[in-house]
Amino acid sequence: MMLRISDLIRKAWFPRVFPFLLFIAFIALESLIDFLSRYYTPLEKVAEYDSYIFYPVKTVLVAVVLLLLWNRYSEIDFKNALSVKNILIGFFSGATVFILWINMDMKFATLKEPEPYNPFIFNDSFLFYLIISFRLFGASVVVPVFEELFWRSFVLRYIINPKFGDVPVGKFTWISFVIASIFFGFEHNLWLAGIMAGVSYSLILYFTRSLFIAMFSHGITNLLLGIYVVKTGNWQFW
C-alpha cells in the first residue's frame, strides 16, 4: 500500500491536482454537515460555525502541502516573470476582474443563495481579526496558487494532451480555453463572474507565458475583494 501511495505521489499530475482536491474536500464536508443538520439537531450549531472553523484549517493544510511539493512546480518561473510590464499587467488585470466581479451580482448568474461569511458574528475581537487574517491570506495567497496550478497549469494543458508535461505552459487552443474557463466559472457561486475571471487569468497566461503572473493577478483580485467585503459588509461575496 505504501508503495502504491508513493507511486501516486510521484505522478506528474499529483502536485497540481491534490491541493485543489483537498480544498474542495473541505467544502464538500461543510455541505454534508449543513445537509445532515436538517435531520440531526445536534449538528445545527456545528453547521452554523463550520465554515469559520474549516477555512483556517484547510488554508493551513493546503499551504503546507504546497510548500512540501514546491520543488515540483517547475512551471512557476519567478526570474522570467518579474518584469515591470508583467507586474503591471497582472495588477491592472486583477483589479479589473475585481471591479467587474462586484458588479455582476445577478440572480440568474448565481448557483445558489450565498451563505455570508461574516466574522462580526463573533463578539471576541481576537477571533474576529484571526478569522479575517486567515480569510485574506487564504483567498489572496493560497487559493490563487493552487487554483492556477490546477486550472491554468494542469487542466488547460491536459485538455490539449493527457501527457500535459509535454505541452508548454501558456499554449493556446480554443477548446482548452473555452472548457477551462467555463468549468472554472462553475466552481464559483457567481458562475458568470467566475467565467469572466477564468477568461481573464487564461489571457494573462497566454500573453505573458507566466503562470506566476496569472497567480499574482488572481491574488490581486481576491485581496481587493476581501478588503471591499470587510469595508462594505457585502459578505455575500465571501
Protein backbone atom coordinates (compact mmCIF):
# COMPACT_ATOMS: atom_id res chain seq x y z
CA MET A 1 0.00 0.00 0.00
CA MET A 2 2.82 2.38 0.89
CA LEU A 3 4.41 1.69 -2.49
CA ARG A 4 1.17 2.48 -4.26
CA ILE A 5 0.80 5.76 -2.38
CA SER A 6 4.37 6.74 -3.17
CA ASP A 7 3.80 5.89 -6.83
CA LEU A 8 0.69 8.06 -6.81
CA ILE A 9 2.55 10.99 -5.27
CA ARG A 10 5.22 10.73 -7.95
CA LYS A 11 2.67 11.16 -10.75
CA ALA A 12 3.14 14.44 -12.63
CA TRP A 13 -0.47 15.47 -12.08
CA PHE A 14 -0.47 14.86 -8.31
CA PRO A 15 1.12 18.13 -7.06
CA ARG A 16 -1.17 20.14 -9.35
CA VAL A 17 -4.39 18.29 -8.54
CA PHE A 18 -4.12 17.16 -4.91
CA PRO A 19 -4.06 20.63 -3.23
CA PHE A 20 -7.18 21.58 -5.21
CA LEU A 21 -8.98 18.37 -4.26
CA LEU A 22 -8.00 18.78 -0.61
CA PHE A 23 -9.54 22.25 -0.50
CA ILE A 24 -12.67 21.06 -2.31
CA ALA A 25 -12.99 18.14 0.14
CA PHE A 26 -13.47 20.60 3.00
CA ILE A 27 -16.16 22.44 1.01
CA ALA A 28 -17.90 19.10 0.43
CA LEU A 29 -17.63 18.32 4.15
CA GLU A 30 -19.27 21.65 5.01
CA SER A 31 -22.09 20.92 2.58
CA LEU A 32 -22.57 17.47 4.10
CA ILE A 33 -22.74 18.88 7.63
CA ASP A 34 -25.24 21.53 6.51
CA PHE A 35 -27.38 18.84 4.90
CA LEU A 36 -27.26 16.46 7.87
CA SER A 37 -28.04 19.29 10.31
CA ARG A 38 -31.55 19.47 8.84
CA TYR A 39 -32.23 15.98 10.17
CA TYR A 40 -29.94 15.78 13.19
CA THR A 41 -30.42 18.66 15.61
CA PRO A 42 -27.05 18.44 17.44
CA LEU A 43 -25.31 19.30 14.16
CA GLU A 44 -27.14 22.62 13.81
CA LYS A 45 -24.56 24.53 15.88
CA VAL A 46 -21.73 22.86 14.00
CA ALA A 47 -23.34 23.81 10.70
CA GLU A 48 -23.65 27.41 11.87
CA TYR A 49 -19.92 27.74 12.51
CA ASP A 50 -18.33 25.08 10.29
CA SER A 51 -17.10 27.49 7.62
CA TYR A 52 -15.34 29.62 10.25
CA ILE A 53 -13.68 26.50 11.67
CA PHE A 54 -12.77 24.81 8.42
CA TYR A 55 -11.43 27.79 6.48
CA PRO A 56 -8.33 28.28 8.69
CA VAL A 57 -7.79 24.51 8.81
CA LYS A 58 -7.97 23.98 5.06
CA THR A 59 -5.90 27.10 4.40
CA VAL A 60 -3.07 25.86 6.62
CA LEU A 61 -3.23 22.27 5.33
CA VAL A 62 -3.21 23.27 1.67
CA ALA A 63 -0.41 25.81 2.28
CA VAL A 64 1.69 23.09 3.93
CA VAL A 65 1.04 20.69 1.04
CA LEU A 66 2.04 23.36 -1.49
CA LEU A 67 5.28 24.03 0.40
CA LEU A 68 6.11 20.33 0.61
CA LEU A 69 5.53 19.93 -3.14
CA TRP A 70 7.04 23.27 -4.15
CA ASN A 71 10.17 21.88 -5.80
CA ARG A 72 7.94 20.05 -8.31
CA TYR A 73 6.35 23.22 -9.68
CA SER A 74 8.90 23.87 -12.40
CA GLU A 75 6.35 25.93 -14.35
CA ILE A 76 6.44 28.71 -11.73
CA ASP A 77 9.28 30.81 -13.11
CA PHE A 78 9.90 33.91 -10.99
CA LYS A 79 13.03 35.01 -12.83
CA ASN A 80 11.41 35.48 -16.24
CA ALA A 81 8.08 36.67 -14.79
CA LEU A 82 9.21 39.61 -12.70
CA SER A 83 9.34 42.46 -15.18
CA VAL A 84 7.66 45.82 -14.68
CA LYS A 85 5.46 45.15 -17.72
CA ASN A 86 4.24 41.79 -16.43
CA ILE A 87 3.63 43.07 -12.90
CA LEU A 88 1.56 45.97 -14.24
CA ILE A 89 -0.41 43.64 -16.50
CA GLY A 90 -1.11 41.33 -13.57
CA PHE A 91 -2.08 44.13 -11.21
CA PHE A 92 -4.42 46.05 -13.51
CA SER A 93 -5.99 42.87 -14.89
CA GLY A 94 -6.64 41.63 -11.36
CA ALA A 95 -8.12 45.00 -10.36
CA THR A 96 -10.35 44.98 -13.45
CA VAL A 97 -11.66 41.49 -12.61
CA PHE A 98 -12.43 42.72 -9.08
CA ILE A 99 -14.43 45.71 -10.40
CA LEU A 100 -16.37 43.51 -12.80
CA TRP A 101 -16.92 40.85 -10.12
CA ILE A 102 -18.68 43.15 -7.65
CA ASN A 103 -20.87 44.49 -10.45
CA MET A 104 -22.00 41.07 -11.70
CA ASP A 105 -24.08 40.09 -8.66
CA MET A 106 -27.06 38.98 -10.76
CA LYS A 107 -29.66 36.48 -9.57
CA PHE A 108 -29.61 34.44 -12.77
CA ALA A 109 -25.80 34.23 -12.56
CA THR A 110 -25.81 32.73 -9.06
CA LEU A 111 -25.85 28.98 -8.49
CA LYS A 112 -27.49 29.21 -5.06
CA GLU A 113 -28.28 31.72 -2.36
CA PRO A 114 -24.89 32.63 -0.90
CA GLU A 115 -24.12 31.91 2.74
CA PRO A 116 -22.42 35.07 4.06
CA TYR A 117 -19.05 34.59 5.73
CA ASN A 118 -19.48 37.29 8.37
CA PRO A 119 -16.86 37.31 11.17
CA PHE A 120 -18.81 40.02 13.01
CA ILE A 121 -20.98 37.27 14.46
CA PHE A 122 -18.16 36.79 16.99
CA ASN A 123 -18.04 39.28 19.85
CA ASP A 124 -14.42 38.44 20.59
CA SER A 125 -12.15 40.91 18.75
CA PHE A 126 -9.25 38.44 18.75
CA LEU A 127 -11.37 35.81 16.98
CA PHE A 128 -12.63 38.42 14.53
CA TYR A 129 -9.14 39.54 13.47
CA LEU A 130 -7.87 35.96 13.42
CA ILE A 131 -10.67 34.86 11.09
CA ILE A 132 -10.23 37.90 8.86
CA SER A 133 -6.47 37.28 8.67
CA PHE A 134 -6.90 33.64 7.67
CA ARG A 135 -9.56 34.54 5.14
CA LEU A 136 -7.49 37.27 3.49
CA PHE A 137 -4.34 35.15 3.49
CA GLY A 138 -6.17 32.10 2.17
CA ALA A 139 -8.06 33.99 -0.53
CA SER A 140 -5.22 36.18 -1.76
CA VAL A 141 -2.21 33.83 -1.40
CA VAL A 142 -3.13 30.15 -1.02
CA VAL A 143 -6.19 29.98 -3.30
CA PRO A 144 -4.55 31.71 -6.31
CA VAL A 145 -1.59 29.35 -6.14
CA PHE A 146 -3.44 26.04 -6.03
CA GLU A 147 -6.24 27.14 -8.37
CA GLU A 148 -3.84 28.41 -11.03
CA LEU A 149 -1.75 25.26 -10.70
CA PHE A 150 -4.87 23.19 -11.22
CA TRP A 151 -6.71 25.18 -13.89
CA ARG A 152 -4.02 27.02 -15.84
CA SER A 153 -1.12 24.58 -15.43
CA PHE A 154 -2.88 21.20 -15.37
CA VAL A 155 -6.38 21.45 -16.92
CA LEU A 156 -5.50 23.79 -19.81
CA ARG A 157 -2.62 21.54 -20.83
CA TYR A 158 -4.34 18.21 -20.10
CA ILE A 159 -7.21 19.08 -22.48
CA ILE A 160 -4.64 19.62 -25.23
CA ASN A 161 -2.72 16.44 -24.42
CA PRO A 162 -3.14 14.00 -21.50
CA LYS A 163 0.67 13.98 -21.38
CA PHE A 164 0.34 17.56 -20.18
CA GLY A 165 4.01 17.85 -19.23
CA ASP A 166 4.83 17.84 -22.95
CA VAL A 167 2.63 20.90 -23.51
CA PRO A 168 4.29 24.31 -22.95
CA VAL A 169 2.67 26.46 -20.26
CA GLY A 170 0.54 29.08 -21.98
CA LYS A 171 -0.08 27.12 -25.18
CA PHE A 172 -3.39 28.30 -26.67
CA THR A 173 -6.17 26.23 -28.21
CA TRP A 174 -9.78 27.33 -28.40
CA ILE A 175 -11.17 24.14 -26.92
CA SER A 176 -8.92 24.20 -23.83
CA PHE A 177 -9.51 27.93 -23.35
CA VAL A 178 -13.30 27.65 -23.52
CA ILE A 179 -13.68 24.45 -21.48
CA ALA A 180 -11.31 25.54 -18.69
CA SER A 181 -12.93 28.98 -18.44
CA ILE A 182 -16.44 27.54 -18.19
CA PHE A 183 -15.53 24.92 -15.60
CA PHE A 184 -13.56 27.47 -13.60
CA GLY A 185 -16.65 29.67 -13.62
CA PHE A 186 -18.93 26.94 -12.30
CA GLU A 187 -16.51 26.28 -9.46
CA HIS A 188 -17.80 29.60 -8.09
CA ASN A 189 -21.24 30.50 -6.79
CA LEU A 190 -21.27 33.59 -9.03
CA TRP A 191 -20.69 31.48 -12.11
CA LEU A 192 -20.79 34.27 -14.71
CA ALA A 193 -18.26 36.32 -12.77
CA GLY A 194 -16.21 33.14 -12.38
CA ILE A 195 -16.18 32.53 -16.14
CA MET A 196 -15.13 36.13 -16.70
CA ALA A 197 -12.29 35.71 -14.20
CA GLY A 198 -11.23 32.40 -15.78
CA VAL A 199 -11.09 34.04 -19.20
CA SER A 200 -9.00 36.91 -17.79
CA TYR A 201 -6.44 34.74 -15.98
CA SER A 202 -6.06 32.49 -19.03
CA LEU A 203 -5.50 35.50 -21.29
CA ILE A 204 -2.85 36.77 -18.87
CA LEU A 205 -1.14 33.39 -19.06
CA TYR A 206 -1.25 33.36 -22.86
CA PHE A 207 0.07 36.91 -23.12
CA THR A 208 2.84 36.74 -20.51
CA ARG A 209 3.62 33.00 -20.69
CA SER A 210 3.93 33.24 -16.92
CA LEU A 211 1.90 31.15 -14.51
CA PHE A 212 3.21 33.29 -11.67
CA ILE A 213 1.68 36.45 -13.18
CA ALA A 214 -1.67 34.64 -13.50
CA MET A 215 -1.35 33.74 -9.80
CA PHE A 216 -0.39 37.32 -8.95
CA SER A 217 -3.37 38.74 -10.86
CA HIS A 218 -5.72 36.23 -9.21
CA GLY A 219 -4.30 37.21 -5.83
CA ILE A 220 -4.85 40.92 -6.51
CA THR A 221 -8.48 40.25 -7.40
CA ASN A 222 -9.09 38.27 -4.22
CA LEU A 223 -7.21 40.72 -2.00
CA LEU A 224 -9.18 43.70 -3.32
CA LEU A 225 -12.39 41.71 -3.00
CA GLY A 226 -11.55 40.81 0.60
CA ILE A 227 -10.78 44.43 1.52
CA TYR A 228 -14.00 45.55 -0.19
CA VAL A 229 -16.07 42.95 1.69
CA VAL A 230 -14.64 43.91 5.08
CA LYS A 231 -15.07 47.63 4.39
CA THR A 232 -18.60 47.48 2.99
CA GLY A 233 -20.08 44.44 4.75
CA ASN A 234 -21.09 42.80 1.45
CA TRP A 235 -20.40 39.38 2.93
CA GLN A 236 -22.20 37.55 0.13
CA PHE A 237 -19.04 37.92 -1.97
CA TRP A 238 -17.19 35.74 0.56
